[in-house]
Amino acid sequence: MRVLMVGSEVAPFAKSGGLGDVLGALPPVLVEAGIETAVVLPRYRRIPLAGLRKVFGDLQIWMSGGYYLADIYQLDLRGVAHYLVDCPPLYDRDNFYGYDDDHVRFGALCRAALEVARHLFRPDVIHCHDWQAGLLPLYLKNFFPGDAAMARIKTVMTIHSLEHRGLFPPSQLAAVGLNSSYWRSDLVEFNGMGSTMKAGIVFADRVTTVSPNYAREIQTAEYGWGLDGLLRARSGALTGLLNGVDYTEWNPETDPHIADIYSAEALEGKRNCKAALLKQFGFPVEEVIDRPLIGVVSRLADQKGFDLLGQVFHEFCAEDITFILLGSGDPRQETMFWHMEEFHKAKVRAYLGFSNALAHQIYAGSDMFLMPSKYEPCGLSQLYALRYGTIPIVRATGGLDDTIDAGTGFKFWGYNGWEMLLAIRSALEVYRNDPAGWQAMVVRAMGQDFSWKQTVQAYRELYRSL
């Protein structure tokens, strides 16, 4: 069996979030399971050509009545062939996304991936990830008449976050190589705009999401972002498969970023990690080491639910806690956390930015990890926290509800600050008054297995079913 993955981010080449983690970790695990796997991604400006091998030159990518020229470079990592599409007019830019022609840039990626499938790596299944790869199933089913080999290829469309639907104006339909016959409400038209995500959902042979609960949620008006009716219509082809964690990177027994290694059988090192984290942020370690430390590592965006902290700002800070946040994003939320630190310097620190090493240190040094998400398709942070024995406090939505139970964390259901505060207080109560129960929860959390090997068999069966 041969599978070609197509996406806009693949770690370690390009990563801005969980999508890059997934496309970096899943393909090697598929290879280990006996599924020959390759990946197609753009060659962005920040990806150096050094070490890449050109395998196809002057590829013509036909779009909007003309074409772009691209070279295809290859690099093999962990048994996976990575094909990078080098087209400077489209990808030689400072950022991955955020441009007016993103629909063209990633439509071209889909066309280039199909040429890779024709000439370099003939797959049985093409697995498309998120809106950036959404046009590929449409192109495959409509643009290769008479090519029996291409007709045999099946497609899987994975929704990583339905909020981002790849919208473009109707005037740009030709720019992605489509004529007016595709401008229909049952094809690519979505509330007066075109949607590459919708195209993928309509034309793919199977649709997946990144957790079972999210697969159910997106079929409701609350979480469906206007596509819930279409997803209900395709419910027979829709599956929720939980994302996994790469424990070679996220493992307190081997982590080079943390102050001391530890395991579920030898937890002393976790206290050392806590002390080092407190010292790094300027807290008087001996005075606060026994105070519960709540950590956050997150993008600061509406989705992540930190407006709930704003609702209970003073009550939260009145608790006998230490709070450390690593994050950046929404300027309003950055300002809120800046004010929290200014007004409650004895308890709160906020690092507004990102540091991979510091992220590892917060997972290792914190006692609890807060994720009050408005919605969370899967979530990886709570899975990292579990492995580090840092007890998650989460809102019961999407993958958070799938992965955290009463034995490994604390959940709240309503989207409001007071329910969140009650969950935090429940965690603090156990931490302070039941040390043995808390340690048992830590050990239980660290024993959870959310590795990709738990999910890869489900992907194998999905591919085989096609």
Foldseek 3Di string as FASTA:
>chain_A
DEEEEEDAADPPQHDDDDVNVQNPAQQLVLVVVVYQYEYEYANAQVGDCPPWAWDAFQDWQDALNGTFGWTWTWDDDSNYIYIYTYGCVQHHDDDSDDDLCLLLSLLSSLSVVVVCCVPPNVGQEYEYEALSNLCNLVCLVPVDPPPVSSVNRAYEYEHAAQVQFAWHAPVCQRRSPHDPVQCDPLAQPAPRTGGSNSNNLNRHQAYEYAAQQLLVVCLDPVRVNRCNVVSVVVVVRYYYFHGFDDCVDQAQQDHPLFPHRAALVGLPVLLVLQLVLCVVQPAPSVVCSLAAEEEEEDEPDQQQQCVQCVQCVPVVLVDRHAYEYEYEDDPVVVVVLVVSCVVRVNHYDYHHDDDPSVLSSRLSNHQAYEGAGPAGQADDSCLSSLLNLRAYEYECHHNVVVPDDPLQHFYFHDSHNVSSVVRVVVVVCCSVPPVVSSSSNSSVSSPDHRHCVVRSVVVVVVSVVD
